[in-house]
Amino acid sequence: MEMQQVRYFLALSNTLNFTRAAEECNVTQPALTRAIKTLEDELGGELLRRERQHSHLTELGRRMLPLLQQCYDAATSAKSLAKAVQSSDVAPLNVTISNSINIALLVPPFTELFRAYPGAHLKINRGSPAAVVDALKSGDVELAIAGPLGQAWDRLDIWPLFREEIELAVNADHPLARRNEADVALAQLAAEPVLSRIDWETSEELSRSLSARGLTPRTAHEVETDQDLLALLEANAGVGFVSLTAPRSSNTRRLKLRDLDVSRIVSVYAVAGRHRSPVATTLLNLLRAADWSSFGVSEPA
């Protein structure tokens, strides 16, 4: 099946007239008729029932019409995009961002990127730490932004961006939130149901630190994203450990952990030795040069 045949069929389905369809496609009627016949042979049946005054699509033709229209539109879009990329009107960039990163942090560097590359075409994927590494390994993305990935892969280039503390988040009506204190002791969490984050970059370090201080949290529910954690906090389903820059709401309150000092470093990752596009290099430089202090975080050590 060729796109030319599909184009002829779409014109014919609109006009229901071989002569007018040929004129619309700027070809001779015999050429259009041959192309339609070839398409019918490939699909195994008539697409148009030829009658003098009332030609109409057959059942096969009606069923094929939306599919062939979609096929033609996709091919046209792909051709236009390829032309734009070749002419530098479009600069595609695939980036993966960990589920634990608040994308609001990236608005300033993205804004500067779009100024430098008005044709920048971002494709942003979300995922767990393992998914972040897999996306980099496979070459599906050029850059990744995440918390600590450990010794996941020795070919990773890592540029630390900032360090942020881990805090406790509770519902605004929770007894811990109604106190005057801005922090909480671990002993006060012994009986609290704790919302657990699945595949959170900080989970292992946090668990080790809590265990070292004699606290084994009672897991209430498990979630994958900060947004889901926030929703359960608003439902007062438990308390949760979150990064400083995680999304907030007026229905929750943040508390410092009085006798626990756990933080994480957020970094941008790429594959060592792999070619990076100009738009990827620009975003990398913008991320490294950004002033993150307005978010309450500190410089990485």
Protein backbone atom coordinates (compact mmCIF):
# COMPACT_ATOMS: atom_id res chain seq x y z
CA MET A 1 0.00 0.00 0.00
CA GLU A 2 1.37 3.39 -1.04
CA MET A 3 0.42 6.81 0.33
CA GLN A 4 -0.44 7.87 -3.20
CA GLN A 5 -3.13 5.17 -3.36
CA VAL A 6 -4.45 6.24 0.04
CA ARG A 7 -4.60 9.89 -1.07
CA TYR A 8 -6.54 8.92 -4.19
CA PHE A 9 -9.00 6.86 -2.15
CA LEU A 10 -9.59 9.72 0.31
CA ALA A 11 -10.31 12.09 -2.57
CA LEU A 12 -12.64 9.54 -4.14
CA SER A 13 -14.49 8.93 -0.88
CA ASN A 14 -15.10 12.68 -0.65
CA THR A 15 -16.24 13.24 -4.23
CA LEU A 16 -17.69 9.79 -5.05
CA ASN A 17 -16.68 10.61 -8.62
CA PHE A 18 -13.59 9.33 -10.42
CA THR A 19 -13.33 12.34 -12.71
CA ARG A 20 -13.52 14.94 -9.95
CA ALA A 21 -11.20 12.90 -7.69
CA ALA A 22 -8.62 12.71 -10.49
CA GLU A 23 -8.84 16.47 -11.00
CA GLU A 24 -8.45 17.08 -7.27
CA CYS A 25 -5.36 14.87 -7.17
CA ASN A 26 -4.00 16.34 -10.42
CA VAL A 27 -3.73 12.98 -12.18
CA THR A 28 -5.48 11.38 -15.11
CA GLN A 29 -8.63 9.39 -14.46
CA PRO A 30 -7.10 6.10 -15.77
CA ALA A 31 -4.13 6.55 -13.39
CA LEU A 32 -6.45 7.10 -10.43
CA THR A 33 -8.64 4.17 -11.44
CA ARG A 34 -5.61 1.84 -11.67
CA ALA A 35 -4.38 2.97 -8.24
CA ILE A 36 -7.77 2.35 -6.65
CA LYS A 37 -8.00 -1.07 -8.30
CA THR A 38 -4.55 -1.99 -6.96
CA LEU A 39 -5.58 -0.85 -3.46
CA GLU A 40 -8.76 -2.92 -3.70
CA ASP A 41 -6.75 -5.97 -4.72
CA GLU A 42 -4.49 -5.50 -1.69
CA LEU A 43 -7.43 -5.09 0.69
CA GLY A 44 -9.39 -7.93 -0.86
CA GLY A 45 -12.58 -6.23 -1.99
CA GLU A 46 -14.31 -3.29 -3.62
CA LEU A 47 -14.02 0.06 -1.86
CA LEU A 48 -16.48 1.97 -4.06
CA ARG A 49 -19.54 0.65 -5.85
CA ARG A 50 -19.50 2.29 -9.27
CA GLU A 51 -22.96 3.49 -10.36
CA ARG A 52 -23.78 6.22 -12.86
CA GLN A 53 -25.69 8.56 -10.56
CA HIS A 54 -25.25 7.08 -7.10
CA SER A 55 -21.74 5.75 -6.59
CA HIS A 56 -21.14 4.99 -2.91
CA LEU A 57 -18.63 3.41 -0.57
CA THR A 58 -19.03 -0.28 0.08
CA GLU A 59 -19.09 -1.67 3.61
CA LEU A 60 -15.34 -2.35 3.25
CA GLY A 61 -14.81 1.19 2.00
CA ARG A 62 -16.68 2.70 4.96
CA ARG A 63 -14.67 0.64 7.43
CA MET A 64 -11.37 1.47 5.75
CA LEU A 65 -12.03 5.21 5.47
CA PRO A 66 -11.20 6.26 9.09
CA LEU A 67 -8.20 3.94 9.22
CA LEU A 68 -6.74 5.14 5.94
CA GLN A 69 -7.46 8.77 6.90
CA GLN A 70 -5.53 8.25 10.14
CA CYS A 71 -2.71 6.55 8.26
CA TYR A 72 -2.49 9.40 5.76
CA ASP A 73 -2.61 12.10 8.45
CA ALA A 74 0.15 10.37 10.43
CA ALA A 75 2.36 10.07 7.36
CA THR A 76 1.79 13.73 6.49
CA SER A 77 2.62 14.81 10.04
CA ALA A 78 5.77 12.69 10.08
CA LYS A 79 6.91 14.17 6.80
CA SER A 80 6.28 17.72 8.04
CA LEU A 81 8.11 17.05 11.30
CA ALA A 82 11.09 15.51 9.49
CA LYS A 83 11.28 18.55 7.21
CA ALA A 84 11.11 20.90 10.19
CA VAL A 85 13.84 19.00 12.04
CA GLN A 86 16.11 19.06 9.00
CA SER A 87 15.59 22.80 8.65
CA SER A 88 16.25 23.29 12.39
CA ASP A 89 12.73 24.66 12.93
CA VAL A 90 12.18 21.88 15.47
CA ALA A 91 14.71 20.74 18.06
CA PRO A 92 13.46 17.48 19.65
CA LEU A 93 14.66 16.58 23.14
CA ASN A 94 13.64 13.53 25.17
CA VAL A 95 14.02 13.88 28.94
CA THR A 96 13.07 11.51 31.73
CA ILE A 97 12.20 12.84 35.18
CA SER A 98 11.92 10.76 38.31
CA ASN A 99 8.48 10.42 39.86
CA SER A 100 9.86 12.15 42.95
CA ILE A 101 10.84 15.40 41.19
CA ASN A 102 8.39 18.30 41.33
CA ILE A 103 8.31 19.53 37.73
CA ALA A 104 7.48 23.04 38.98
CA LEU A 105 11.19 23.30 39.84
CA LEU A 106 12.06 23.11 36.16
CA VAL A 107 9.86 25.96 34.93
CA PRO A 108 12.67 28.59 35.00
CA PRO A 109 15.23 26.54 33.03
CA PHE A 110 12.53 25.37 30.60
CA THR A 111 11.51 28.99 30.05
CA GLU A 112 15.09 29.92 29.18
CA LEU A 113 15.40 26.88 26.92
CA PHE A 114 12.35 27.91 24.90
CA ARG A 115 13.81 31.39 24.52
CA ALA A 116 17.04 29.94 23.15
CA TYR A 117 15.25 27.30 21.04
CA PRO A 118 11.74 28.49 20.06
CA GLY A 119 11.36 25.23 18.14
CA ALA A 120 12.33 23.00 21.07
CA HIS A 121 10.06 19.96 21.18
CA LEU A 122 10.22 18.32 24.60
CA LYS A 123 9.11 14.79 25.27
CA ILE A 124 9.03 14.26 29.03
CA ASN A 125 8.80 10.77 30.50
CA ARG A 126 8.21 9.95 34.16
CA GLY A 127 9.36 6.84 35.98
CA SER A 128 10.96 5.06 38.90
CA PRO A 129 14.75 5.20 39.46
CA ALA A 130 15.11 1.93 37.56
CA ALA A 131 13.06 3.32 34.66
CA VAL A 132 15.26 6.44 34.61
CA VAL A 133 18.40 4.34 34.25
CA ASP A 134 16.81 2.08 31.62
CA ALA A 135 15.77 5.11 29.54
CA LEU A 136 19.34 6.43 29.60
CA LYS A 137 20.84 3.03 28.80
CA SER A 138 18.57 2.44 25.83
CA GLY A 139 19.21 5.90 24.39
CA ASP A 140 15.51 6.79 24.57
CA VAL A 141 16.42 10.01 26.39
CA GLU A 142 19.42 12.34 26.38
CA LEU A 143 19.05 13.73 29.89
CA ALA A 144 17.48 12.62 33.16
CA ILE A 145 16.66 14.47 36.37
CA ALA A 146 16.37 12.44 39.55
CA GLY A 147 17.50 11.92 43.10
CA PRO A 148 20.36 9.53 43.95
CA LEU A 149 20.46 6.51 41.62
CA GLY A 150 23.25 4.76 43.54
CA GLN A 151 25.64 2.54 41.62
CA ALA A 152 23.01 1.83 38.99
CA TRP A 153 25.39 2.15 36.01
CA ASP A 154 29.02 3.17 35.80
CA ARG A 155 28.58 5.03 32.50
CA LEU A 156 26.47 7.78 34.02
CA ASP A 157 27.72 11.35 34.04
CA ILE A 158 26.28 13.11 37.07
CA TRP A 159 25.96 16.84 37.77
CA PRO A 160 24.55 17.55 41.27
CA LEU A 161 22.05 20.43 41.25
CA PHE A 162 20.96 20.92 44.87
CA ARG A 163 20.51 19.27 48.25
CA GLU A 164 17.14 19.18 49.98
CA GLU A 165 15.96 17.98 53.37
CA ILE A 166 13.42 15.26 54.02
CA GLU A 167 10.45 16.41 56.08
CA LEU A 168 7.29 14.98 57.59
CA ALA A 169 3.97 15.88 55.97
CA VAL A 170 0.67 15.53 57.84
CA ASN A 171 -2.94 16.54 57.36
CA ALA A 172 -3.66 20.05 58.68
CA ASP A 173 -6.16 18.56 61.16
CA HIS A 174 -3.76 15.90 62.43
CA PRO A 175 -2.84 16.25 66.13
CA LEU A 176 0.82 16.73 65.17
CA ALA A 177 -0.16 19.68 62.98
CA ARG A 178 -2.20 21.43 65.66
CA ARG A 179 0.76 21.88 67.99
CA ASN A 180 2.79 25.08 68.08
CA GLU A 181 6.05 23.27 67.39
CA ALA A 182 7.53 23.36 63.88
CA ASP A 183 9.29 20.03 64.34
CA VAL A 184 8.50 16.56 65.59
CA ALA A 185 10.47 13.90 67.47
CA LEU A 186 10.71 10.41 66.03
CA ALA A 187 9.23 8.98 69.22
CA GLN A 188 5.99 10.78 68.41
CA LEU A 189 5.70 8.74 65.19
CA ALA A 190 5.83 5.31 66.80
CA ALA A 191 2.08 4.74 66.57
CA GLU A 192 1.48 6.65 63.37
CA PRO A 193 0.52 4.88 60.10
CA VAL A 194 3.12 5.98 57.55
CA LEU A 195 2.42 6.33 53.85
CA SER A 196 5.15 4.52 51.92
CA ARG A 197 6.69 5.61 48.65
CA ILE A 198 7.37 2.83 46.13
CA ASP A 199 10.73 3.17 44.35
CA TRP A 200 11.60 6.48 46.01
CA GLU A 201 15.29 7.30 45.64
CA THR A 202 15.49 8.14 49.36
CA SER A 203 13.65 5.09 50.71
CA GLU A 204 16.66 2.95 51.62
CA GLU A 205 18.63 5.72 53.34
CA LEU A 206 15.55 6.87 55.23
CA SER A 207 14.74 3.31 56.33
CA ARG A 208 18.31 2.76 57.56
CA SER A 209 18.30 6.04 59.48
CA LEU A 210 14.96 5.28 61.13
CA SER A 211 16.03 1.75 62.06
CA ALA A 212 19.28 3.06 63.55
CA ARG A 213 17.14 5.20 65.88
CA GLY A 214 14.86 2.33 66.81
CA LEU A 215 11.87 3.27 64.70
CA THR A 216 10.21 0.83 62.32
CA PRO A 217 7.30 2.70 60.72
CA ARG A 218 3.95 0.97 60.37
CA THR A 219 3.15 1.13 56.67
CA ALA A 220 -0.41 2.27 55.97
CA HIS A 221 -0.58 2.62 52.18
CA GLU A 222 1.85 2.56 49.26
CA VAL A 223 2.00 5.12 46.44
CA GLU A 224 4.33 5.89 43.55
CA THR A 225 4.13 9.67 43.18
CA ASP A 226 4.13 12.79 45.35
CA GLN A 227 0.72 13.72 43.94
CA ASP A 228 -0.77 10.42 45.12
CA LEU A 229 0.90 10.82 48.51
CA LEU A 230 -0.52 14.33 48.81
CA ALA A 231 -4.01 13.05 47.99
CA LEU A 232 -3.84 10.45 50.78
CA LEU A 233 -2.46 13.05 53.19
CA GLU A 234 -5.44 15.27 52.38
CA ALA A 235 -7.67 12.28 53.14
CA ASN A 236 -5.87 11.99 56.51
CA ALA A 237 -4.88 8.40 55.71
CA GLY A 238 -1.56 8.67 57.56
CA VAL A 239 1.62 10.71 57.70
CA GLY A 240 4.38 10.72 55.08
CA PHE A 241 8.03 11.53 54.53
CA VAL A 242 8.53 13.92 51.63
CA SER A 243 11.31 15.97 50.08
CA LEU A 244 11.35 19.70 50.80
CA THR A 245 10.36 20.60 47.23
CA ALA A 246 7.50 18.10 46.95
CA PRO A 247 4.08 19.61 46.09
CA ARG A 248 2.17 21.20 48.98
CA SER A 249 -1.44 22.03 49.72
CA SER A 250 -3.28 24.20 52.20
CA ASN A 251 -4.76 21.02 53.70
CA THR A 252 -1.39 19.68 54.81
CA ARG A 253 1.42 20.88 57.05
CA ARG A 254 5.17 20.22 56.95
CA LEU A 255 7.21 19.44 60.06
CA LYS A 256 10.97 19.19 60.52
CA LEU A 257 12.33 15.93 61.91
CA ARG A 258 13.92 16.88 65.21
CA ASP A 259 16.32 13.98 65.71
CA LEU A 260 16.77 12.77 62.14
CA ASP A 261 18.99 14.44 59.56
CA VAL A 262 18.21 12.93 56.16
CA SER A 263 18.58 14.77 52.88
CA ARG A 264 18.97 13.94 49.23
CA ILE A 265 20.83 15.40 46.26
CA VAL A 266 18.93 16.00 43.04
CA SER A 267 21.11 15.69 39.93
CA VAL A 268 20.97 15.76 36.17
CA TYR A 269 22.23 12.61 34.46
CA ALA A 270 23.51 11.74 31.00
CA VAL A 271 25.48 8.89 29.44
CA ALA A 272 29.24 9.43 29.40
CA GLY A 273 30.74 9.65 25.92
CA ARG A 274 27.38 9.72 24.14
CA HIS A 275 26.72 12.55 21.69
CA ARG A 276 24.33 15.22 22.97
CA SER A 277 22.30 17.48 20.72
CA PRO A 278 22.74 21.27 20.99
CA VAL A 279 19.34 21.63 22.66
CA ALA A 280 20.25 18.96 25.24
CA THR A 281 23.56 20.68 25.94
CA THR A 282 21.75 23.99 26.39
CA LEU A 283 19.28 22.52 28.88
CA LEU A 284 22.11 20.82 30.76
CA ASN A 285 23.96 24.13 31.07
CA LEU A 286 20.80 25.94 32.17
CA LEU A 287 20.14 23.35 34.88
CA ARG A 288 23.71 23.54 36.17
CA ALA A 289 23.67 27.34 36.21
CA ALA A 290 20.22 27.70 37.81
CA ASP A 291 19.78 29.36 41.21
CA TRP A 292 17.75 26.84 43.22
CA SER A 293 17.91 28.76 46.51
CA SER A 294 14.44 30.27 46.04
CA PHE A 295 13.03 26.78 46.62
CA GLY A 296 14.65 26.60 50.06
CA VAL A 297 17.29 24.08 49.06
CA SER A 298 21.06 24.30 49.47
CA GLU A 299 24.11 23.82 47.32
CA PRO A 300 25.21 20.17 47.03
CA ALA A 301 28.31 19.33 49.04
